[in-house]
PDB file of N, CA and C in Angstrom:
ATOM      1  N   UNK A   1      16.456  81.545  21.004  1.00  0.00           N
ATOM      2  CA  UNK A   1      15.433  80.568  21.285  1.00  0.00           C
ATOM      3  C   UNK A   1      16.002  79.492  22.195  1.00  0.00           C
ATOM      4  N   UNK A   2      15.252  79.148  23.217  1.00  0.00           N
ATOM      5  CA  UNK A   2      15.631  78.056  24.090  1.00  0.00           C
ATOM      6  C   UNK A   2      15.615  76.784  23.249  1.00  0.00           C
ATOM      7  N   UNK A   3      16.664  75.985  23.347  1.00  0.00           N
ATOM      8  CA  UNK A   3      16.752  74.803  22.497  1.00  0.00           C
ATOM      9  C   UNK A   3      16.427  73.510  23.234  1.00  0.00           C
ATOM     10  N   UNK A   4      16.341  73.547  24.555  1.00  0.00           N
ATOM     11  CA  UNK A   4      16.044  72.324  25.300  1.00  0.00           C
ATOM     12  C   UNK A   4      14.721  72.452  26.047  1.00  0.00           C
ATOM     13  N   UNK A   5      13.805  71.588  25.720  1.00  0.00           N
ATOM     14  CA  UNK A   5      12.519  71.507  26.401  1.00  0.00           C
ATOM     15  C   UNK A   5      12.303  70.057  26.808  1.00  0.00           C
ATOM     16  N   UNK A   6      11.487  69.849  27.825  1.00  0.00           N
ATOM     17  CA  UNK A   6      11.149  68.488  28.220  1.00  0.00           C
ATOM     18  C   UNK A   6      10.468  67.778  27.058  1.00  0.00           C
ATOM     19  N   UNK A   7      10.805  66.511  26.881  1.00  0.00           N
ATOM     20  CA  UNK A   7      10.174  65.727  25.833  1.00  0.00           C
ATOM     21  C   UNK A   7       8.713  65.496  26.177  1.00  0.00           C
ATOM     22  N   UNK A   8       7.917  65.329  25.154  1.00  0.00           N
ATOM     23  CA  UNK A   8       6.478  65.169  25.290  1.00  0.00           C
ATOM     24  C   UNK A   8       6.087  63.810  24.723  1.00  0.00           C
ATOM     25  N   UNK A   9       5.309  63.026  25.472  1.00  0.00           N
ATOM     26  CA  UNK A   9       4.816  61.754  24.932  1.00  0.00           C
ATOM     27  C   UNK A   9       3.342  61.922  24.595  1.00  0.00           C
ATOM     28  N   UNK A  10       2.982  61.559  23.380  1.00  0.00           N
ATOM     29  CA  UNK A  10       1.598  61.685  22.932  1.00  0.00           C
ATOM     30  C   UNK A  10       1.054  60.314  22.553  1.00  0.00           C
ATOM     31  N   UNK A  11      -0.204  60.080  22.900  1.00  0.00           N
ATOM     32  CA  UNK A  11      -0.871  58.820  22.597  1.00  0.00           C
ATOM     33  C   UNK A  11      -1.340  58.823  21.145  1.00  0.00           C
ATOM     34  N   UNK A  12      -1.005  57.765  20.438  1.00  0.00           N
ATOM     35  CA  UNK A  12      -1.429  57.609  19.053  1.00  0.00           C
ATOM     36  C   UNK A  12      -2.217  56.298  18.930  1.00  0.00           C
ATOM     37  N   UNK A  13      -2.695  55.996  17.748  1.00  0.00           N
ATOM     38  CA  UNK A  13      -3.462  54.767  17.547  1.00  0.00           C
ATOM     39  C   UNK A  13      -2.592  53.518  17.684  1.00  0.00           C
ATOM     40  N   UNK A  14      -1.277  53.674  17.553  1.00  0.00           N
ATOM     41  CA  UNK A  14      -0.373  52.526  17.631  1.00  0.00           C
ATOM     42  C   UNK A  14       0.429  52.459  18.921  1.00  0.00           C
ATOM     43  N   UNK A  15       0.281  53.463  19.789  1.00  0.00           N
ATOM     44  CA  UNK A  15       1.039  53.479  21.042  1.00  0.00           C
ATOM     45  C   UNK A  15       1.319  54.891  21.500  1.00  0.00           C
ATOM     46  N   UNK A  16       2.598  55.167  21.732  1.00  0.00           N
ATOM     47  CA  UNK A  16       3.003  56.502  22.168  1.00  0.00           C
ATOM     48  C   UNK A  16       4.139  56.996  21.292  1.00  0.00           C
ATOM     49  N   UNK A  17       4.175  58.286  21.101  1.00  0.00           N
ATOM     50  CA  UNK A  17       5.232  58.927  20.316  1.00  0.00           C
ATOM     51  C   UNK A  17       5.911  59.952  21.205  1.00  0.00           C
ATOM     52  N   UNK A  18       7.228  59.953  21.227  1.00  0.00           N
ATOM     53  CA  UNK A  18       8.008  60.897  22.023  1.00  0.00           C
ATOM     54  C   UNK A  18       8.472  62.020  21.096  1.00  0.00           C
ATOM     55  N   UNK A  19       8.148  63.266  21.490  1.00  0.00           N
ATOM     56  CA  UNK A  19       8.457  64.427  20.651  1.00  0.00           C
ATOM     57  C   UNK A  19       9.213  65.493  21.425  1.00  0.00           C
ATOM     58  N   UNK A  20      10.080  66.187  20.725  1.00  0.00           N
ATOM     59  CA  UNK A  20      10.675  67.410  21.244  1.00  0.00           C
ATOM     60  C   UNK A  20       9.750  68.537  20.777  1.00  0.00           C
ATOM     61  N   UNK A  21       9.234  69.374  21.675  1.00  0.00           N
ATOM     62  CA  UNK A  21       8.317  70.438  21.265  1.00  0.00           C
ATOM     63  C   UNK A  21       8.840  71.342  20.158  1.00  0.00           C
ATOM     64  N   UNK A  22      10.153  71.498  20.045  1.00  0.00           N
ATOM     65  CA  UNK A  22      10.701  72.368  19.006  1.00  0.00           C
ATOM     66  C   UNK A  22      10.496  71.801  17.600  1.00  0.00           C
ATOM     67  N   UNK A  23      10.181  70.510  17.477  1.00  0.00           N
ATOM     68  CA  UNK A  23       9.919  69.873  16.185  1.00  0.00           C
ATOM     69  C   UNK A  23       8.508  70.147  15.676  1.00  0.00           C
ATOM     70  N   UNK A  24       7.627  70.589  16.573  1.00  0.00           N
ATOM     71  CA  UNK A  24       6.221  70.787  16.232  1.00  0.00           C
ATOM     72  C   UNK A  24       6.030  72.169  15.610  1.00  0.00           C
ATOM     73  N   UNK A  25       5.533  72.210  14.365  1.00  0.00           N
ATOM     74  CA  UNK A  25       5.255  73.485  13.696  1.00  0.00           C
ATOM     75  C   UNK A  25       3.908  74.042  14.135  1.00  0.00           C
ATOM     76  N   UNK A  26       2.869  73.193  14.052  1.00  0.00           N
ATOM     77  CA  UNK A  26       1.540  73.611  14.491  1.00  0.00           C
ATOM     78  C   UNK A  26       0.689  72.385  14.774  1.00  0.00           C
ATOM     79  N   UNK A  27      -0.393  72.618  15.477  1.00  0.00           N
ATOM     80  CA  UNK A  27      -1.352  71.575  15.801  1.00  0.00           C
ATOM     81  C   UNK A  27      -2.722  72.058  15.360  1.00  0.00           C
ATOM     82  N   UNK A  28      -3.522  71.127  14.849  1.00  0.00           N
ATOM     83  CA  UNK A  28      -4.854  71.471  14.353  1.00  0.00           C
ATOM     84  C   UNK A  28      -5.894  70.558  14.990  1.00  0.00           C
ATOM     85  N   UNK A  29      -6.950  71.161  15.544  1.00  0.00           N
ATOM     86  CA  UNK A  29      -8.044  70.395  16.143  1.00  0.00           C
ATOM     87  C   UNK A  29      -8.848  69.706  15.054  1.00  0.00           C
ATOM     88  N   UNK A  30      -9.252  68.487  15.349  1.00  0.00           N
ATOM     89  CA  UNK A  30     -10.112  67.731  14.443  1.00  0.00           C
ATOM     90  C   UNK A  30     -11.070  66.922  15.310  1.00  0.00           C
ATOM     91  N   UNK A  31     -12.128  67.600  15.773  1.00  0.00           N
ATOM     92  CA  UNK A  31     -13.067  66.968  16.704  1.00  0.00           C
ATOM     93  C   UNK A  31     -12.377  66.676  18.021  1.00  0.00           C
ATOM     94  N   UNK A  32     -12.439  65.428  18.465  1.00  0.00           N
ATOM     95  CA  UNK A  32     -11.789  65.072  19.725  1.00  0.00           C
ATOM     96  C   UNK A  32     -10.346  64.598  19.516  1.00  0.00           C
ATOM     97  N   UNK A  33      -9.834  64.778  18.312  1.00  0.00           N
ATOM     98  CA  UNK A  33      -8.450  64.439  17.980  1.00  0.00           C
ATOM     99  C   UNK A  33      -7.682  65.709  17.637  1.00  0.00           C
ATOM    100  N   UNK A  34      -6.361  65.583  17.648  1.00  0.00           N
ATOM    101  CA  UNK A  34      -5.490  66.693  17.271  1.00  0.00           C
ATOM    102  C   UNK A  34      -4.459  66.191  16.278  1.00  0.00           C
ATOM    103  N   UNK A  35      -4.300  66.920  15.186  1.00  0.00           N
ATOM    104  CA  UNK A  35      -3.268  66.600  14.202  1.00  0.00           C
ATOM    105  C   UNK A  35      -2.031  67.428  14.541  1.00  0.00           C
ATOM    106  N   UNK A  36      -0.936  66.744  14.827  1.00  0.00           N
ATOM    107  CA  UNK A  36       0.333  67.400  15.149  1.00  0.00           C
ATOM    108  C   UNK A  36       1.183  67.401  13.884  1.00  0.00           C
ATOM    109  N   UNK A  37       1.570  68.574  13.425  1.00  0.00           N
ATOM    110  CA  UNK A  37       2.345  68.724  12.191  1.00  0.00           C
ATOM    111  C   UNK A  37       3.786  69.064  12.544  1.00  0.00           C
ATOM    112  N   UNK A  38       4.690  68.186  12.148  1.00  0.00           N
ATOM    113  CA  UNK A  38       6.105  68.339  12.489  1.00  0.00           C
ATOM    114  C   UNK A  38       6.876  69.067  11.390  1.00  0.00           C
ATOM    115  N   UNK A  39       8.019  69.586  11.771  1.00  0.00           N
ATOM    116  CA  UNK A  39       8.891  70.315  10.846  1.00  0.00           C
ATOM    117  C   UNK A  39       9.283  69.455   9.642  1.00  0.00           C
ATOM    118  N   UNK A  40       9.444  68.168   9.850  1.00  0.00           N
ATOM    119  CA  UNK A  40       9.871  67.260   8.781  1.00  0.00           C
ATOM    120  C   UNK A  40       8.748  66.942   7.790  1.00  0.00           C
ATOM    121  N   UNK A  41       7.532  67.432   8.063  1.00  0.00           N
ATOM    122  CA  UNK A  41       6.400  67.185   7.182  1.00  0.00           C
ATOM    123  C   UNK A  41       5.490  66.058   7.652  1.00  0.00           C
ATOM    124  N   UNK A  42       5.918  65.335   8.660  1.00  0.00           N
ATOM    125  CA  UNK A  42       5.117  64.230   9.195  1.00  0.00           C
ATOM    126  C   UNK A  42       3.923  64.763   9.988  1.00  0.00           C
ATOM    127  N   UNK A  43       2.815  64.026   9.923  1.00  0.00           N
ATOM    128  CA  UNK A  43       1.609  64.368  10.678  1.00  0.00           C
ATOM    129  C   UNK A  43       1.303  63.219  11.630  1.00  0.00           C
ATOM    130  N   UNK A  44       1.037  63.566  12.888  1.00  0.00           N
ATOM    131  CA  UNK A  44       0.712  62.577  13.914  1.00  0.00           C
ATOM    132  C   UNK A  44      -0.685  62.880  14.426  1.00  0.00           C
ATOM    133  N   UNK A  45      -1.518  61.860  14.501  1.00  0.00           N
ATOM    134  CA  UNK A  45      -2.858  62.037  15.053  1.00  0.00           C
ATOM    135  C   UNK A  45      -2.804  61.691  16.539  1.00  0.00           C
ATOM    136  N   UNK A  46      -3.087  62.697  17.362  1.00  0.00           N
ATOM    137  CA  UNK A  46      -3.085  62.576  18.821  1.00  0.00           C
ATOM    138  C   UNK A  46      -4.523  62.353  19.259  1.00  0.00           C
ATOM    139  N   UNK A  47      -4.741  61.378  20.121  1.00  0.00           N
ATOM    140  CA  UNK A  47      -6.100  60.977  20.459  1.00  0.00           C
ATOM    141  C   UNK A  47      -6.737  61.777  21.601  1.00  0.00           C
ATOM    142  N   UNK A  48      -6.397  63.053  21.699  1.00  0.00           N
ATOM    143  CA  UNK A  48      -7.004  63.929  22.704  1.00  0.00           C
ATOM    144  C   UNK A  48      -7.265  65.309  22.095  1.00  0.00           C
ATOM    145  N   UNK A  49      -8.035  66.104  22.814  1.00  0.00           N
ATOM    146  CA  UNK A  49      -8.373  67.464  22.364  1.00  0.00           C
ATOM    147  C   UNK A  49      -7.136  68.364  22.314  1.00  0.00           C
ATOM    148  N   UNK A  50      -7.201  69.395  21.477  1.00  0.00           N
ATOM    149  CA  UNK A  50      -6.115  70.366  21.332  1.00  0.00           C
ATOM    150  C   UNK A  50      -5.759  71.022  22.665  1.00  0.00           C
ATOM    151  N   UNK A  51      -6.740  71.291  23.504  1.00  0.00           N
ATOM    152  CA  UNK A  51      -6.508  71.940  24.804  1.00  0.00           C
ATOM    153  C   UNK A  51      -5.575  71.109  25.686  1.00  0.00           C
ATOM    154  N   UNK A  52      -5.703  69.797  25.635  1.00  0.00           N
ATOM    155  CA  UNK A  52      -4.828  68.915  26.419  1.00  0.00           C
ATOM    156  C   UNK A  52      -3.382  69.096  25.975  1.00  0.00           C
ATOM    157  N   UNK A  53      -3.172  69.139  24.683  1.00  0.00           N
ATOM    158  CA  UNK A  53      -1.828  69.341  24.148  1.00  0.00           C
ATOM    159  C   UNK A  53      -1.315  70.737  24.507  1.00  0.00           C
ATOM    160  N   UNK A  54      -2.150  71.754  24.344  1.00  0.00           N
ATOM    161  CA  UNK A  54      -1.765  73.125  24.665  1.00  0.00           C
ATOM    162  C   UNK A  54      -1.298  73.245  26.117  1.00  0.00           C
ATOM    163  N   UNK A  55      -2.005  72.600  27.024  1.00  0.00           N
ATOM    164  CA  UNK A  55      -1.658  72.668  28.446  1.00  0.00           C
ATOM    165  C   UNK A  55      -0.339  71.984  28.777  1.00  0.00           C
ATOM    166  N   UNK A  56       0.161  71.155  27.868  1.00  0.00           N
ATOM    167  CA  UNK A  56       1.396  70.411  28.126  1.00  0.00           C
ATOM    168  C   UNK A  56       2.582  70.855  27.273  1.00  0.00           C
ATOM    169  N   UNK A  57       2.388  71.881  26.475  1.00  0.00           N
ATOM    170  CA  UNK A  57       3.476  72.432  25.662  1.00  0.00           C
ATOM    171  C   UNK A  57       3.984  73.725  26.287  1.00  0.00           C
ATOM    172  N   UNK A  58       5.246  74.090  26.044  1.00  0.00           N
ATOM    173  CA  UNK A  58       5.803  75.323  26.619  1.00  0.00           C
ATOM    174  C   UNK A  58       5.023  76.568  26.181  1.00  0.00           C
ATOM    175  N   UNK A  59       4.564  77.338  27.156  1.00  0.00           N
ATOM    176  CA  UNK A  59       3.748  78.535  26.882  1.00  0.00           C
ATOM    177  C   UNK A  59       4.530  79.587  26.094  1.00  0.00           C
ATOM    178  N   UNK A  60       5.849  79.662  26.322  1.00  0.00           N
ATOM    179  CA  UNK A  60       6.650  80.666  25.622  1.00  0.00           C
ATOM    180  C   UNK A  60       6.910  80.285  24.162  1.00  0.00           C
ATOM    181  N   UNK A  61       6.619  79.057  23.809  1.00  0.00           N
ATOM    182  CA  UNK A  61       6.882  78.571  22.462  1.00  0.00           C
ATOM    183  C   UNK A  61       5.623  78.521  21.599  1.00  0.00           C
ATOM    184  N   UNK A  62       4.483  78.191  22.218  1.00  0.00           N
ATOM    185  CA  UNK A  62       3.250  77.968  21.460  1.00  0.00           C
ATOM    186  C   UNK A  62       2.198  79.027  21.729  1.00  0.00           C
ATOM    187  N   UNK A  63       1.461  79.338  20.685  1.00  0.00           N
ATOM    188  CA  UNK A  63       0.455  80.398  20.723  1.00  0.00           C
ATOM    189  C   UNK A  63      -0.832  79.889  20.099  1.00  0.00           C
ATOM    190  N   UNK A  64      -1.925  80.027  20.831  1.00  0.00           N
ATOM    191  CA  UNK A  64      -3.246  79.632  20.315  1.00  0.00           C
ATOM    192  C   UNK A  64      -3.757  80.785  19.470  1.00  0.00           C
ATOM    193  N   UNK A  65      -3.935  80.556  18.168  1.00  0.00           N
ATOM    194  CA  UNK A  65      -4.358  81.625  17.259  1.00  0.00           C
ATOM    195  C   UNK A  65      -5.820  81.491  16.851  1.00  0.00           C
ATOM    196  N   UNK A  66      -6.410  80.361  17.179  1.00  0.00           N
ATOM    197  CA  UNK A  66      -7.782  80.064  16.751  1.00  0.00           C
ATOM    198  C   UNK A  66      -8.243  78.875  17.583  1.00  0.00           C
ATOM    199  N   UNK A  67      -9.541  78.639  17.684  1.00  0.00           N
ATOM    200  CA  UNK A  67      -9.984  77.462  18.440  1.00  0.00           C
ATOM    201  C   UNK A  67      -9.523  76.167  17.781  1.00  0.00           C
ATOM    202  N   UNK A  68      -9.123  76.248  16.512  1.00  0.00           N
ATOM    203  CA  UNK A  68      -8.646  75.072  15.789  1.00  0.00           C
ATOM    204  C   UNK A  68      -7.131  74.984  15.653  1.00  0.00           C
ATOM    205  N   UNK A  69      -6.390  76.064  15.967  1.00  0.00           N
ATOM    206  CA  UNK A  69      -4.956  76.072  15.684  1.00  0.00           C
ATOM    207  C   UNK A  69      -4.096  76.555  16.853  1.00  0.00           C
ATOM    208  N   UNK A  70      -3.014  75.819  17.048  1.00  0.00           N
ATOM    209  CA  UNK A  70      -1.972  76.163  18.009  1.00  0.00           C
ATOM    210  C   UNK A  70      -0.665  76.153  17.217  1.00  0.00           C
ATOM    211  N   UNK A  71       0.080  77.259  17.235  1.00  0.00           N
ATOM    212  CA  UNK A  71       1.292  77.342  16.410  1.00  0.00           C
ATOM    213  C   UNK A  71       2.534  77.551  17.267  1.00  0.00           C
ATOM    214  N   UNK A  72       3.628  77.027  16.763  1.00  0.00           N
ATOM    215  CA  UNK A  72       4.937  77.289  17.345  1.00  0.00           C
ATOM    216  C   UNK A  72       5.371  78.635  16.775  1.00  0.00           C
ATOM    217  N   UNK A  73       5.527  79.630  17.629  1.00  0.00           N
ATOM    218  CA  UNK A  73       5.796  80.997  17.157  1.00  0.00           C
ATOM    219  C   UNK A  73       7.079  81.104  16.339  1.00  0.00           C
ATOM    220  N   UNK A  74       8.027  80.170  16.508  1.00  0.00           N
ATOM    221  CA  UNK A  74       9.282  80.234  15.763  1.00  0.00           C
ATOM    222  C   UNK A  74       9.145  79.766  14.317  1.00  0.00           C
ATOM    223  N   UNK A  75       7.995  79.225  13.970  1.00  0.00           N
ATOM    224  CA  UNK A  75       7.749  78.822  12.590  1.00  0.00           C
ATOM    225  C   UNK A  75       6.861  79.809  11.848  1.00  0.00           C
ATOM    226  N   UNK A  76       6.448  80.882  12.501  1.00  0.00           N
ATOM    227  CA  UNK A  76       5.625  81.902  11.859  1.00  0.00           C
ATOM    228  C   UNK A  76       6.540  82.851  11.091  1.00  0.00           C
ATOM    229  N   UNK A  77       6.266  83.017   9.798  1.00  0.00           N
ATOM    230  CA  UNK A  77       7.103  83.924   9.004  1.00  0.00           C
ATOM    231  C   UNK A  77       6.393  85.234   8.673  1.00  0.00           C
ATOM    232  N   UNK A  78       5.038  85.212   8.613  1.00  0.00           N
ATOM    233  CA  UNK A  78       4.283  86.422   8.306  1.00  0.00           C
ATOM    234  C   UNK A  78       2.948  86.411   9.037  1.00  0.00           C
ATOM    235  N   UNK A  79       2.463  87.622   9.330  1.00  0.00           N
ATOM    236  CA  UNK A  79       1.131  87.792   9.914  1.00  0.00           C
ATOM    237  C   UNK A  79       0.387  88.792   9.046  1.00  0.00           C
ATOM    238  N   UNK A  80      -0.785  88.397   8.553  1.00  0.00           N
ATOM    239  CA  UNK A  80      -1.627  89.286   7.764  1.00  0.00           C
ATOM    240  C   UNK A  80      -2.820  89.696   8.609  1.00  0.00           C
ATOM    241  N   UNK A  81      -3.057  91.008   8.709  1.00  0.00           N
ATOM    242  CA  UNK A  81      -4.173  91.489   9.523  1.00  0.00           C
ATOM    243  C   UNK A  81      -5.186  92.288   8.722  1.00  0.00           C
ATOM    244  N   UNK A  82      -4.943  92.478   7.448  1.00  0.00           N
ATOM    245  CA  UNK A  82      -5.895  93.185   6.577  1.00  0.00           C
ATOM    246  C   UNK A  82      -6.510  92.197   5.608  1.00  0.00           C
ATOM    247  N   UNK A  83      -7.824  92.293   5.406  1.00  0.00           N
ATOM    248  CA  UNK A  83      -8.491  91.396   4.474  1.00  0.00           C
ATOM    249  C   UNK A  83      -8.531  89.965   4.962  1.00  0.00           C
ATOM    250  N   UNK A  84      -8.759  89.794   6.237  1.00  0.00           N
ATOM    251  CA  UNK A  84      -8.754  88.456   6.837  1.00  0.00           C
ATOM    252  C   UNK A  84      -7.454  88.227   7.570  1.00  0.00           C
ATOM    253  N   UNK A  85      -7.549  87.813   8.799  1.00  0.00           N
ATOM    254  CA  UNK A  85      -6.351  87.622   9.624  1.00  0.00           C
ATOM    255  C   UNK A  85      -5.843  86.193   9.500  1.00  0.00           C
ATOM    256  N   UNK A  86      -4.560  86.059   9.200  1.00  0.00           N
ATOM    257  CA  UNK A  86      -3.956  84.741   9.150  1.00  0.00           C
ATOM    258  C   UNK A  86      -2.446  84.834   9.298  1.00  0.00           C
ATOM    259  N   UNK A  87      -1.839  83.697   9.623  1.00  0.00           N
ATOM    260  CA  UNK A  87      -0.385  83.604   9.670  1.00  0.00           C
ATOM    261  C   UNK A  87       0.066  82.723   8.518  1.00  0.00           C
ATOM    262  N   UNK A  88       1.275  82.962   8.079  1.00  0.00           N
ATOM    263  CA  UNK A  88       1.934  82.103   7.102  1.00  0.00           C
ATOM    264  C   UNK A  88       3.128  81.487   7.828  1.00  0.00           C
ATOM    265  N   UNK A  89       3.200  80.176   7.802  1.00  0.00           N
ATOM    266  CA  UNK A  89       4.320  79.486   8.431  1.00  0.00           C
ATOM    267  C   UNK A  89       5.488  79.383   7.456  1.00  0.00           C
ATOM    268  N   UNK A  90       6.636  79.026   7.959  1.00  0.00           N
ATOM    269  CA  UNK A  90       7.836  78.957   7.121  1.00  0.00           C
ATOM    270  C   UNK A  90       7.736  77.932   6.004  1.00  0.00           C
ATOM    271  N   UNK A  91       6.817  76.972   6.128  1.00  0.00           N
ATOM    272  CA  UNK A  91       6.626  75.993   5.061  1.00  0.00           C
ATOM    273  C   UNK A  91       5.556  76.438   4.063  1.00  0.00           C
ATOM    274  N   UNK A  92       5.019  77.664   4.236  1.00  0.00           N
ATOM    275  CA  UNK A  92       4.017  78.212   3.335  1.00  0.00           C
ATOM    276  C   UNK A  92       2.576  77.963   3.765  1.00  0.00           C
ATOM    277  N   UNK A  93       2.377  77.191   4.821  1.00  0.00           N
ATOM    278  CA  UNK A  93       1.028  76.883   5.299  1.00  0.00           C
ATOM    279  C   UNK A  93       0.364  78.150   5.838  1.00  0.00           C
ATOM    280  N   UNK A  94      -0.894  78.363   5.426  1.00  0.00           N
ATOM    281  CA  UNK A  94      -1.672  79.524   5.844  1.00  0.00           C
ATOM    282  C   UNK A  94      -2.699  79.066   6.879  1.00  0.00           C
ATOM    283  N   UNK A  95      -2.711  79.711   8.068  1.00  0.00           N
ATOM    284  CA  UNK A  95      -3.646  79.371   9.134  1.00  0.00           C
ATOM    285  C   UNK A  95      -4.396  80.620   9.577  1.00  0.00           C
ATOM    286  N   UNK A  96      -5.697  80.477   9.744  1.00  0.00           N
ATOM    287  CA  UNK A  96      -6.548  81.596  10.138  1.00  0.00           C
ATOM    288  C   UNK A  96      -6.321  81.998  11.596  1.00  0.00           C
ATOM    289  N   UNK A  97      -6.374  83.307  11.840  1.00  0.00           N
ATOM    290  CA  UNK A  97      -6.352  83.864  13.201  1.00  0.00           C
ATOM    291  C   UNK A  97      -7.782  84.293  13.508  1.00  0.00           C
ATOM    292  N   UNK A  98      -8.305  83.869  14.643  1.00  0.00           N
ATOM    293  CA  UNK A  98      -9.657  84.303  15.000  1.00  0.00           C
ATOM    294  C   UNK A  98      -9.626  85.780  15.397  1.00  0.00           C
ATOM    295  N   UNK A  99     -10.726  86.469  15.211  1.00  0.00           N
ATOM    296  CA  UNK A  99     -10.786  87.886  15.581  1.00  0.00           C
ATOM    297  C   UNK A  99     -10.538  88.081  17.071  1.00  0.00           C
ATOM    298  N   UNK A 100     -10.989  87.139  17.895  1.00  0.00           N
ATOM    299  CA  UNK A 100     -10.765  87.226  19.346  1.00  0.00           C
ATOM    300  C   UNK A 100      -9.287  87.132  19.707  1.00  0.00           C
ATOM    301  N   UNK A 101      -8.516  86.436  18.890  1.00  0.00           N
ATOM    302  CA  UNK A 101      -7.086  86.211  19.174  1.00  0.00           C
ATOM    303  C   UNK A 101      -6.163  87.196  18.462  1.00  0.00           C
ATOM    304  N   UNK A 102      -6.708  88.019  17.590  1.00  0.00           N
ATOM    305  CA  UNK A 102      -5.900  88.913  16.755  1.00  0.00           C
ATOM    306  C   UNK A 102      -4.929  89.770  17.576  1.00  0.00           C
ATOM    307  N   UNK A 103      -5.409  90.476  18.578  1.00  0.00           N
ATOM    308  CA  UNK A 103      -4.556  91.362  19.382  1.00  0.00           C
ATOM    309  C   UNK A 103      -3.484  90.567  20.124  1.00  0.00           C
ATOM    310  N   UNK A 104      -3.852  89.417  20.634  1.00  0.00           N
ATOM    311  CA  UNK A 104      -2.907  88.569  21.357  1.00  0.00           C
ATOM    312  C   UNK A 104      -1.787  88.074  20.431  1.00  0.00           C
ATOM    313  N   UNK A 105      -2.144  87.693  19.222  1.00  0.00           N
ATOM    314  CA  UNK A 105      -1.161  87.220  18.255  1.00  0.00           C
ATOM    315  C   UNK A 105      -0.201  88.333  17.889  1.00  0.00           C
ATOM    316  N   UNK A 106      -0.717  89.499  17.599  1.00  0.00           N
ATOM    317  CA  UNK A 106       0.132  90.634  17.233  1.00  0.00           C
ATOM    318  C   UNK A 106       1.076  90.992  18.382  1.00  0.00           C
ATOM    319  N   UNK A 107       0.551  90.982  19.607  1.00  0.00           N
ATOM    320  CA  UNK A 107       1.351  91.336  20.789  1.00  0.00           C
ATOM    321  C   UNK A 107       2.445  90.302  21.067  1.00  0.00           C
ATOM    322  N   UNK A 108       2.252  89.077  20.625  1.00  0.00           N
ATOM    323  CA  UNK A 108       3.214  88.013  20.894  1.00  0.00           C
ATOM    324  C   UNK A 108       4.520  88.164  20.115  1.00  0.00           C
ATOM    325  N   UNK A 109       4.507  89.014  19.109  1.00  0.00           N
ATOM    326  CA  UNK A 109       5.698  89.232  18.293  1.00  0.00           C
ATOM    327  C   UNK A 109       6.178  90.666  18.493  1.00  0.00           C
ATOM    328  N   UNK A 110       7.413  90.801  18.920  1.00  0.00           N
ATOM    329  CA  UNK A 110       7.995  92.108  19.202  1.00  0.00           C
ATOM    330  C   UNK A 110       8.146  92.904  17.915  1.00  0.00           C
ATOM    331  N   UNK A 111       7.653  94.136  17.941  1.00  0.00           N
ATOM    332  CA  UNK A 111       7.800  95.023  16.773  1.00  0.00           C
ATOM    333  C   UNK A 111       9.085  95.816  16.896  1.00  0.00           C
ATOM    334  N   UNK A 112       9.716  96.049  15.751  1.00  0.00           N
ATOM    335  CA  UNK A 112      10.913  96.907  15.772  1.00  0.00           C
ATOM    336  C   UNK A 112      10.725  98.039  14.786  1.00  0.00           C
TER     337      UNK A 112
END
């Protein structure tokens, strides 16, 4: 895994927050806001749409799995495709995969 990425500054209600993209586990859309969930358990509310964040994060690191979720592929521990599609992150968080994104998500992880 590439360990150095350009730092990202995100607008919050109190100012700006500087983040290393590798710290971000997943992002969740919440209307016109985005909740950024960090590896340390902290949640940051970003005052822009998820698409804005997606366009500014490394494409090789982040994967859009649903219109509401963008995940850092290095934090995905399991993918379930039977009985409802979802990913399980390393912290145990379960996130839904949309049917439109199912093939793309599966293809993003090399099978052995």
